[in-house]
Amino acid sequence: FFDECLTCDVSRYDVLTSNIAEYVNAMFNEAREFPIIALFNDISKRWSKKIHERRMAYAKLKTTFVPSAETKIMANKNLGNKLLVHHIDEDTFSITADNRIAMVHLQSKICSCREFDLDKIPCQHAMAALRHKFGDEYGKMIYEYSSPYYKVESYILAYVDPIYLVPAEEFWNLPPEILERVIPPPEKKTKPGRKRLKRVPTIAEVVSKKRNKCSLCKRFGHKKTSCPTRSNEVAGTSNGVVS
């Protein structure tokens, strides 16, 4: 995933994958067996509830950025305060950290560590450069050099549109060409046997297997009957009896 993030042409904002299929499958595991209208209504209710909860939660925030971004900014600020800065030109800085040198270009908003480029939030090296350039005002400039998508207002706009339920059929307002259209059933052969309800797991999914735990030595991988400790005890007892 990290190699994909590095070669991706669009900004990922610290998100390494955009696949939410597994999350949606878990949400509607039971609703998939509903009739089509009931299924759409269940989807609308669930997403409407989530969107409303997110919108109200972000509306109460008093910070400039969302909590996850503010936490990362605070961590990078603390790390950046310990670094040594060399001013090369107006917007280019050389940052020394742990015997390594990072190059920061504030105007281009890039750093040789690539964290500034990918997260769109100043990394610890960029924080040190901002502190060196702006002094006591650099705390405000952090948000100027970060992506506006982390702002609380941007997150609220993402959840501003409501989702409505499917109305009853008598309230549908459809054009005549749609009402007169005849849709034949799909040409699909039904396989014999009971319908499969559980989906087939993908190769990437890890199927957890129950491991045996020995009741004697409390170790995993074997049972009481095949425990090495028991075998040694039995062997010692046998030797004692024979002698």
C-alpha atoms as a PDB file:
ATOM      1  CA  PHE A   1       0.000   0.000   0.000  1.00  0.00           C
ATOM      2  CA  PHE A   2       2.851   2.402   0.798  1.00  0.00           C
ATOM      3  CA  ASP A   3       4.401   1.963  -2.665  1.00  0.00           C
ATOM      4  CA  GLU A   4       0.991   2.584  -4.204  1.00  0.00           C
ATOM      5  CA  CYS A   5       0.623   5.750  -2.142  1.00  0.00           C
ATOM      6  CA  LEU A   6       4.022   7.009  -3.273  1.00  0.00           C
ATOM      7  CA  THR A   7       3.279   6.470  -6.977  1.00  0.00           C
ATOM      8  CA  CYS A   8      -0.333   7.661  -6.879  1.00  0.00           C
ATOM      9  CA  ASP A   9      -1.042  10.796  -8.938  1.00  0.00           C
ATOM     10  CA  VAL A  10      -3.692  12.140  -6.561  1.00  0.00           C
ATOM     11  CA  SER A  11      -3.459  13.190  -2.923  1.00  0.00           C
ATOM     12  CA  ARG A  12      -4.264  10.403  -0.464  1.00  0.00           C
ATOM     13  CA  TYR A  13      -4.116  12.500   2.756  1.00  0.00           C
ATOM     14  CA  ASP A  14      -2.613   9.652   4.794  1.00  0.00           C
ATOM     15  CA  VAL A  15      -5.298   7.217   3.558  1.00  0.00           C
ATOM     16  CA  LEU A  16      -3.632   4.150   2.065  1.00  0.00           C
ATOM     17  CA  THR A  17      -6.762   2.516   0.663  1.00  0.00           C
ATOM     18  CA  SER A  18     -10.103   3.742  -0.652  1.00  0.00           C
ATOM     19  CA  ASN A  19     -11.956   0.410  -0.573  1.00  0.00           C
ATOM     20  CA  ILE A  20     -14.967   0.564   1.780  1.00  0.00           C
ATOM     21  CA  ALA A  21     -16.661  -2.539   0.367  1.00  0.00           C
ATOM     22  CA  GLU A  22     -15.934  -4.620   3.474  1.00  0.00           C
ATOM     23  CA  TYR A  23     -17.321  -1.909   5.741  1.00  0.00           C
ATOM     24  CA  VAL A  24     -20.529  -1.634   3.687  1.00  0.00           C
ATOM     25  CA  ASN A  25     -20.920  -5.413   3.533  1.00  0.00           C
ATOM     26  CA  ALA A  26     -20.794  -5.595   7.317  1.00  0.00           C
ATOM     27  CA  MET A  27     -23.382  -2.825   7.663  1.00  0.00           C
ATOM     28  CA  PHE A  28     -25.958  -4.422   5.365  1.00  0.00           C
ATOM     29  CA  ASN A  29     -25.313  -8.084   6.018  1.00  0.00           C
ATOM     30  CA  GLU A  30     -28.934  -8.721   7.087  1.00  0.00           C
ATOM     31  CA  ALA A  31     -30.608  -6.060   4.935  1.00  0.00           C
ATOM     32  CA  ARG A  32     -29.414  -7.707   1.726  1.00  0.00           C
ATOM     33  CA  GLU A  33     -32.184 -10.262   2.110  1.00  0.00           C
ATOM     34  CA  PHE A  34     -34.898  -7.554   2.212  1.00  0.00           C
ATOM     35  CA  PRO A  35     -37.112  -6.656  -0.776  1.00  0.00           C
ATOM     36  CA  ILE A  36     -35.602  -3.966  -2.972  1.00  0.00           C
ATOM     37  CA  ILE A  37     -37.604  -1.022  -1.542  1.00  0.00           C
ATOM     38  CA  ALA A  38     -37.026  -2.131   2.040  1.00  0.00           C
ATOM     39  CA  LEU A  39     -33.336  -2.535   1.243  1.00  0.00           C
ATOM     40  CA  PHE A  40     -33.091   1.018  -0.112  1.00  0.00           C
ATOM     41  CA  ASN A  41     -34.972   2.378   2.898  1.00  0.00           C
ATOM     42  CA  ASP A  42     -32.623   0.571   5.280  1.00  0.00           C
ATOM     43  CA  ILE A  43     -29.607   1.948   3.416  1.00  0.00           C
ATOM     44  CA  SER A  44     -31.084   5.467   3.522  1.00  0.00           C
ATOM     45  CA  LYS A  45     -31.823   5.261   7.253  1.00  0.00           C
ATOM     46  CA  ARG A  46     -28.375   4.019   8.177  1.00  0.00           C
ATOM     47  CA  TRP A  47     -26.494   6.562   6.075  1.00  0.00           C
ATOM     48  CA  SER A  48     -28.809   9.395   7.120  1.00  0.00           C
ATOM     49  CA  LYS A  49     -28.124   8.582  10.769  1.00  0.00           C
ATOM     50  CA  LYS A  50     -24.371   8.443  10.254  1.00  0.00           C
ATOM     51  CA  ILE A  51     -24.282  11.664   8.230  1.00  0.00           C
ATOM     52  CA  HIS A  52     -26.374  13.476  10.834  1.00  0.00           C
ATOM     53  CA  GLU A  53     -24.146  12.239  13.686  1.00  0.00           C
ATOM     54  CA  ARG A  54     -20.977  13.300  11.856  1.00  0.00           C
ATOM     55  CA  ARG A  55     -22.425  16.698  10.931  1.00  0.00           C
ATOM     56  CA  MET A  56     -23.501  17.461  14.503  1.00  0.00           C
ATOM     57  CA  ALA A  57     -20.222  16.214  15.987  1.00  0.00           C
ATOM     58  CA  TYR A  58     -18.099  18.445  13.757  1.00  0.00           C
ATOM     59  CA  ALA A  59     -20.418  21.416  14.214  1.00  0.00           C
ATOM     60  CA  LYS A  60     -19.570  21.437  17.945  1.00  0.00           C
ATOM     61  CA  LEU A  61     -15.799  21.556  17.421  1.00  0.00           C
ATOM     62  CA  LYS A  62     -13.989  24.765  18.353  1.00  0.00           C
ATOM     63  CA  THR A  63     -10.692  23.917  16.631  1.00  0.00           C
ATOM     64  CA  THR A  64      -9.544  25.008  13.172  1.00  0.00           C
ATOM     65  CA  PHE A  65      -8.840  21.461  11.977  1.00  0.00           C
ATOM     66  CA  VAL A  66     -10.520  18.169  12.848  1.00  0.00           C
ATOM     67  CA  PRO A  67      -9.164  16.338  15.938  1.00  0.00           C
ATOM     68  CA  SER A  68      -7.055  13.806  14.005  1.00  0.00           C
ATOM     69  CA  ALA A  69      -5.261  16.614  12.133  1.00  0.00           C
ATOM     70  CA  GLU A  70      -4.815  18.684  15.295  1.00  0.00           C
ATOM     71  CA  THR A  71      -3.227  15.689  17.049  1.00  0.00           C
ATOM     72  CA  LYS A  72      -0.760  15.202  14.206  1.00  0.00           C
ATOM     73  CA  ILE A  73       0.068  18.923  14.143  1.00  0.00           C
ATOM     74  CA  MET A  74       0.789  18.939  17.874  1.00  0.00           C
ATOM     75  CA  ALA A  75       3.024  15.858  17.615  1.00  0.00           C
ATOM     76  CA  ASN A  76       4.986  17.298  14.687  1.00  0.00           C
ATOM     77  CA  LYS A  77       5.373  20.635  16.487  1.00  0.00           C
ATOM     78  CA  ASN A  78       6.899  18.948  19.537  1.00  0.00           C
ATOM     79  CA  LEU A  79       9.312  16.993  17.347  1.00  0.00           C
ATOM     80  CA  GLY A  80      10.192  20.035  15.255  1.00  0.00           C
ATOM     81  CA  ASN A  81      11.167  22.081  18.302  1.00  0.00           C
ATOM     82  CA  LYS A  82      14.154  19.765  18.856  1.00  0.00           C
ATOM     83  CA  LEU A  83      15.630  19.993  15.337  1.00  0.00           C
ATOM     84  CA  LEU A  84      18.483  22.112  14.008  1.00  0.00           C
ATOM     85  CA  VAL A  85      17.602  24.439  11.094  1.00  0.00           C
ATOM     86  CA  HIS A  86      19.885  25.840   8.391  1.00  0.00           C
ATOM     87  CA  HIS A  87      18.371  28.608   6.238  1.00  0.00           C
ATOM     88  CA  ILE A  88      19.493  28.131   2.616  1.00  0.00           C
ATOM     89  CA  ASP A  89      17.317  30.664   0.763  1.00  0.00           C
ATOM     90  CA  GLU A  90      13.942  32.349   1.270  1.00  0.00           C
ATOM     91  CA  ASP A  91      11.859  29.152   1.238  1.00  0.00           C
ATOM     92  CA  THR A  92      14.458  26.361   1.319  1.00  0.00           C
ATOM     93  CA  PHE A  93      15.738  24.927   4.592  1.00  0.00           C
ATOM     94  CA  SER A  94      18.085  22.147   5.623  1.00  0.00           C
ATOM     95  CA  ILE A  95      16.922  20.319   8.746  1.00  0.00           C
ATOM     96  CA  THR A  96      19.248  18.102  10.780  1.00  0.00           C
ATOM     97  CA  ALA A  97      17.588  15.312  12.775  1.00  0.00           C
ATOM     98  CA  ASP A  98      19.230  12.170  14.169  1.00  0.00           C
ATOM     99  CA  ASN A  99      22.355  12.632  12.010  1.00  0.00           C
ATOM    100  CA  ARG A 100      20.149  12.861   8.925  1.00  0.00           C
ATOM    101  CA  ILE A 101      19.454  15.899   6.758  1.00  0.00           C
ATOM    102  CA  ALA A 102      16.025  16.711   5.305  1.00  0.00           C
ATOM    103  CA  MET A 103      15.396  19.386   2.692  1.00  0.00           C
ATOM    104  CA  VAL A 104      12.208  21.466   3.056  1.00  0.00           C
ATOM    105  CA  HIS A 105      10.727  23.783   0.408  1.00  0.00           C
ATOM    106  CA  LEU A 106       7.938  25.766   2.041  1.00  0.00           C
ATOM    107  CA  GLN A 107       6.640  27.447  -1.106  1.00  0.00           C
ATOM    108  CA  SER A 108       6.208  24.082  -2.860  1.00  0.00           C
ATOM    109  CA  LYS A 109       5.056  22.437   0.404  1.00  0.00           C
ATOM    110  CA  ILE A 110       7.374  19.477   0.016  1.00  0.00           C
ATOM    111  CA  CYS A 111       9.983  17.743   2.161  1.00  0.00           C
ATOM    112  CA  SER A 112      12.531  15.094   1.266  1.00  0.00           C
ATOM    113  CA  CYS A 113      10.962  12.770   3.855  1.00  0.00           C
ATOM    114  CA  ARG A 114       7.766  12.809   1.724  1.00  0.00           C
ATOM    115  CA  GLU A 115       5.472  13.064   4.762  1.00  0.00           C
ATOM    116  CA  PHE A 116       4.703  16.730   4.033  1.00  0.00           C
ATOM    117  CA  ASP A 117       3.938  15.823   0.405  1.00  0.00           C
ATOM    118  CA  LEU A 118       1.579  12.954   1.197  1.00  0.00           C
ATOM    119  CA  ASP A 119      -0.233  14.110   4.350  1.00  0.00           C
ATOM    120  CA  LYS A 120      -0.540  17.778   3.308  1.00  0.00           C
ATOM    121  CA  ILE A 121       0.315  18.694   6.902  1.00  0.00           C
ATOM    122  CA  PRO A 122       3.767  20.080   7.804  1.00  0.00           C
ATOM    123  CA  CYS A 123       6.007  17.284   9.017  1.00  0.00           C
ATOM    124  CA  GLN A 124       8.460  17.744  11.880  1.00  0.00           C
ATOM    125  CA  HIS A 125      11.069  19.116   9.444  1.00  0.00           C
ATOM    126  CA  ALA A 126       8.590  21.597   7.953  1.00  0.00           C
ATOM    127  CA  MET A 127       7.531  22.620  11.470  1.00  0.00           C
ATOM    128  CA  ALA A 128      11.138  23.471  12.293  1.00  0.00           C
ATOM    129  CA  ALA A 129      11.418  25.483   9.079  1.00  0.00           C
ATOM    130  CA  LEU A 130       8.195  27.379   9.823  1.00  0.00           C
ATOM    131  CA  ARG A 131       9.368  28.128  13.355  1.00  0.00           C
ATOM    132  CA  HIS A 132      12.688  29.449  12.031  1.00  0.00           C
ATOM    133  CA  LYS A 133      11.038  31.626   9.374  1.00  0.00           C
ATOM    134  CA  PHE A 134       8.022  33.045  11.220  1.00  0.00           C
ATOM    135  CA  GLY A 135       9.174  32.957  14.827  1.00  0.00           C
ATOM    136  CA  ASP A 136       6.359  33.314  17.359  1.00  0.00           C
ATOM    137  CA  GLU A 137       3.769  33.587  14.569  1.00  0.00           C
ATOM    138  CA  TYR A 138       4.522  30.207  13.088  1.00  0.00           C
ATOM    139  CA  GLY A 139       1.697  28.563  15.050  1.00  0.00           C
ATOM    140  CA  LYS A 140      -0.810  30.413  12.870  1.00  0.00           C
ATOM    141  CA  MET A 141       1.124  29.775   9.677  1.00  0.00           C
ATOM    142  CA  ILE A 142       0.880  26.014  10.152  1.00  0.00           C
ATOM    143  CA  TYR A 143      -2.716  26.098   8.912  1.00  0.00           C
ATOM    144  CA  GLU A 144      -1.697  28.214   5.910  1.00  0.00           C
ATOM    145  CA  TYR A 145       0.742  25.499   4.835  1.00  0.00           C
ATOM    146  CA  SER A 146      -1.731  22.665   5.437  1.00  0.00           C
ATOM    147  CA  SER A 147      -4.493  21.455   3.165  1.00  0.00           C
ATOM    148  CA  PRO A 148      -7.865  23.205   3.655  1.00  0.00           C
ATOM    149  CA  TYR A 149      -9.561  19.811   3.450  1.00  0.00           C
ATOM    150  CA  TYR A 150      -8.613  19.252   7.093  1.00  0.00           C
ATOM    151  CA  LYS A 151     -10.667  22.249   8.206  1.00  0.00           C
ATOM    152  CA  VAL A 152     -13.800  21.650  10.241  1.00  0.00           C
ATOM    153  CA  GLU A 153     -15.839  23.627   7.682  1.00  0.00           C
ATOM    154  CA  SER A 154     -14.715  21.278   4.911  1.00  0.00           C
ATOM    155  CA  TYR A 155     -15.793  18.222   6.888  1.00  0.00           C
ATOM    156  CA  ILE A 156     -19.190  19.760   7.649  1.00  0.00           C
ATOM    157  CA  LEU A 157     -19.725  20.478   3.938  1.00  0.00           C
ATOM    158  CA  ALA A 158     -19.040  16.812   3.210  1.00  0.00           C
ATOM    159  CA  TYR A 159     -22.045  15.848   5.381  1.00  0.00           C
ATOM    160  CA  VAL A 160     -24.374  18.734   4.585  1.00  0.00           C
ATOM    161  CA  ASP A 161     -26.544  17.004   1.956  1.00  0.00           C
ATOM    162  CA  PRO A 162     -29.413  14.945   3.474  1.00  0.00           C
ATOM    163  CA  ILE A 163     -30.494  11.508   2.261  1.00  0.00           C
ATOM    164  CA  TYR A 164     -34.239  10.962   1.882  1.00  0.00           C
ATOM    165  CA  LEU A 165     -36.195   7.715   2.115  1.00  0.00           C
ATOM    166  CA  VAL A 166     -37.904   6.125  -0.861  1.00  0.00           C
ATOM    167  CA  PRO A 167     -41.515   7.428  -0.846  1.00  0.00           C
ATOM    168  CA  ALA A 168     -44.556   5.176  -1.170  1.00  0.00           C
ATOM    169  CA  GLU A 169     -45.426   4.127  -4.710  1.00  0.00           C
ATOM    170  CA  GLU A 170     -48.600   6.278  -4.817  1.00  0.00           C
ATOM    171  CA  PHE A 171     -46.420   9.368  -4.384  1.00  0.00           C
ATOM    172  CA  TRP A 172     -44.089   8.554  -7.268  1.00  0.00           C
ATOM    173  CA  ASN A 173     -44.071  11.130 -10.053  1.00  0.00           C
ATOM    174  CA  LEU A 174     -42.715   9.322 -13.094  1.00  0.00           C
ATOM    175  CA  PRO A 175     -42.857  10.347 -16.769  1.00  0.00           C
ATOM    176  CA  PRO A 176     -45.130   8.303 -19.100  1.00  0.00           C
ATOM    177  CA  GLU A 177     -42.227   6.763 -21.037  1.00  0.00           C
ATOM    178  CA  ILE A 178     -40.953   5.233 -17.790  1.00  0.00           C
ATOM    179  CA  LEU A 179     -44.378   3.929 -16.756  1.00  0.00           C
ATOM    180  CA  GLU A 180     -44.988   2.346 -20.187  1.00  0.00           C
ATOM    181  CA  ARG A 181     -41.605   0.685 -20.350  1.00  0.00           C
ATOM    182  CA  VAL A 182     -41.694  -3.110 -20.015  1.00  0.00           C
ATOM    183  CA  ILE A 183     -38.645  -4.565 -18.349  1.00  0.00           C
ATOM    184  CA  PRO A 184     -38.270  -8.333 -18.880  1.00  0.00           C
ATOM    185  CA  PRO A 185     -36.819 -10.500 -16.125  1.00  0.00           C
ATOM    186  CA  PRO A 186     -33.076 -11.113 -16.289  1.00  0.00           C
ATOM    187  CA  GLU A 187     -31.876 -14.094 -18.263  1.00  0.00           C
ATOM    188  CA  LYS A 188     -30.274 -15.928 -15.400  1.00  0.00           C
ATOM    189  CA  LYS A 189     -30.217 -19.614 -14.690  1.00  0.00           C
ATOM    190  CA  THR A 190     -30.811 -20.444 -11.057  1.00  0.00           C
ATOM    191  CA  LYS A 191     -28.326 -22.931  -9.718  1.00  0.00           C
ATOM    192  CA  PRO A 192     -29.709 -25.939  -7.862  1.00  0.00           C
ATOM    193  CA  GLY A 193     -29.420 -26.100  -4.113  1.00  0.00           C
ATOM    194  CA  ARG A 194     -29.776 -23.628  -1.290  1.00  0.00           C
ATOM    195  CA  LYS A 195     -28.908 -20.017  -1.997  1.00  0.00           C
ATOM    196  CA  ARG A 196     -25.536 -18.950  -0.657  1.00  0.00           C
ATOM    197  CA  LEU A 197     -25.876 -16.277   2.020  1.00  0.00           C
ATOM    198  CA  LYS A 198     -22.273 -15.820   3.077  1.00  0.00           C
ATOM    199  CA  ARG A 199     -19.884 -14.343   0.546  1.00  0.00           C
ATOM    200  CA  VAL A 200     -16.661 -16.061  -0.472  1.00  0.00           C
ATOM    201  CA  PRO A 201     -13.690 -14.528   1.416  1.00  0.00           C
ATOM    202  CA  THR A 202     -10.967 -12.953  -0.683  1.00  0.00           C
ATOM    203  CA  ILE A 203      -7.362 -14.108  -0.800  1.00  0.00           C
ATOM    204  CA  ALA A 204      -6.167 -11.075   1.153  1.00  0.00           C
ATOM    205  CA  GLU A 205      -8.430 -11.845   4.090  1.00  0.00           C
ATOM    206  CA  VAL A 206      -6.791 -13.713   6.933  1.00  0.00           C
ATOM    207  CA  VAL A 207      -8.919 -16.534   8.274  1.00  0.00           C
ATOM    208  CA  SER A 208      -8.170 -17.018  11.957  1.00  0.00           C
ATOM    209  CA  LYS A 209      -7.747 -20.627  13.024  1.00  0.00           C
ATOM    210  CA  LYS A 210      -8.293 -21.873  16.546  1.00  0.00           C
ATOM    211  CA  ARG A 211      -5.056 -23.111  18.040  1.00  0.00           C
ATOM    212  CA  ASN A 212      -4.957 -25.923  20.537  1.00  0.00           C
ATOM    213  CA  LYS A 213      -3.783 -25.039  24.034  1.00  0.00           C
ATOM    214  CA  CYS A 214      -2.302 -27.695  26.277  1.00  0.00           C
ATOM    215  CA  SER A 215      -3.919 -27.980  29.710  1.00  0.00           C
ATOM    216  CA  LEU A 216      -0.639 -29.174  31.270  1.00  0.00           C
ATOM    217  CA  CYS A 217       2.081 -26.781  30.105  1.00  0.00           C
ATOM    218  CA  LYS A 218      -0.355 -24.032  28.942  1.00  0.00           C
ATOM    219  CA  ARG A 219       1.405 -23.782  25.576  1.00  0.00           C
ATOM    220  CA  PHE A 220      -0.189 -23.574  22.148  1.00  0.00           C
ATOM    221  CA  GLY A 221       0.234 -25.991  19.258  1.00  0.00           C
ATOM    222  CA  HIS A 222      -0.531 -29.332  20.910  1.00  0.00           C
ATOM    223  CA  LYS A 223      -2.950 -31.116  23.229  1.00  0.00           C
ATOM    224  CA  LYS A 224      -2.596 -32.814  26.601  1.00  0.00           C
ATOM    225  CA  THR A 225      -2.221 -36.239  25.043  1.00  0.00           C
ATOM    226  CA  SER A 226       0.744 -35.154  22.896  1.00  0.00           C
ATOM    227  CA  CYS A 227       2.364 -32.810  25.408  1.00  0.00           C
ATOM    228  CA  PRO A 228       6.177 -33.245  25.638  1.00  0.00           C
ATOM    229  CA  THR A 229       6.036 -32.653  29.388  1.00  0.00           C
ATOM    230  CA  ARG A 230       3.610 -35.528  29.867  1.00  0.00           C
ATOM    231  CA  SER A 231       5.706 -37.776  27.654  1.00  0.00           C
ATOM    232  CA  ASN A 232       8.794 -37.060  29.758  1.00  0.00           C
ATOM    233  CA  GLU A 233       6.899 -37.730  32.974  1.00  0.00           C
ATOM    234  CA  VAL A 234       5.547 -41.008  31.625  1.00  0.00           C
ATOM    235  CA  ALA A 235       9.012 -42.022  30.460  1.00  0.00           C
ATOM    236  CA  GLY A 236      10.519 -41.187  33.864  1.00  0.00           C
ATOM    237  CA  THR A 237       7.820 -43.124  35.714  1.00  0.00           C
ATOM    238  CA  SER A 238       8.322 -46.138  33.462  1.00  0.00           C
ATOM    239  CA  ASN A 239      12.057 -46.085  34.028  1.00  0.00           C
ATOM    240  CA  GLY A 240      11.509 -45.874  37.772  1.00  0.00           C
ATOM    241  CA  VAL A 241       9.169 -48.888  37.764  1.00  0.00           C
ATOM    242  CA  VAL A 242      11.500 -50.968  35.629  1.00  0.00           C
ATOM    243  CA  SER A 243      14.443 -50.236  37.863  1.00  0.00           C
END
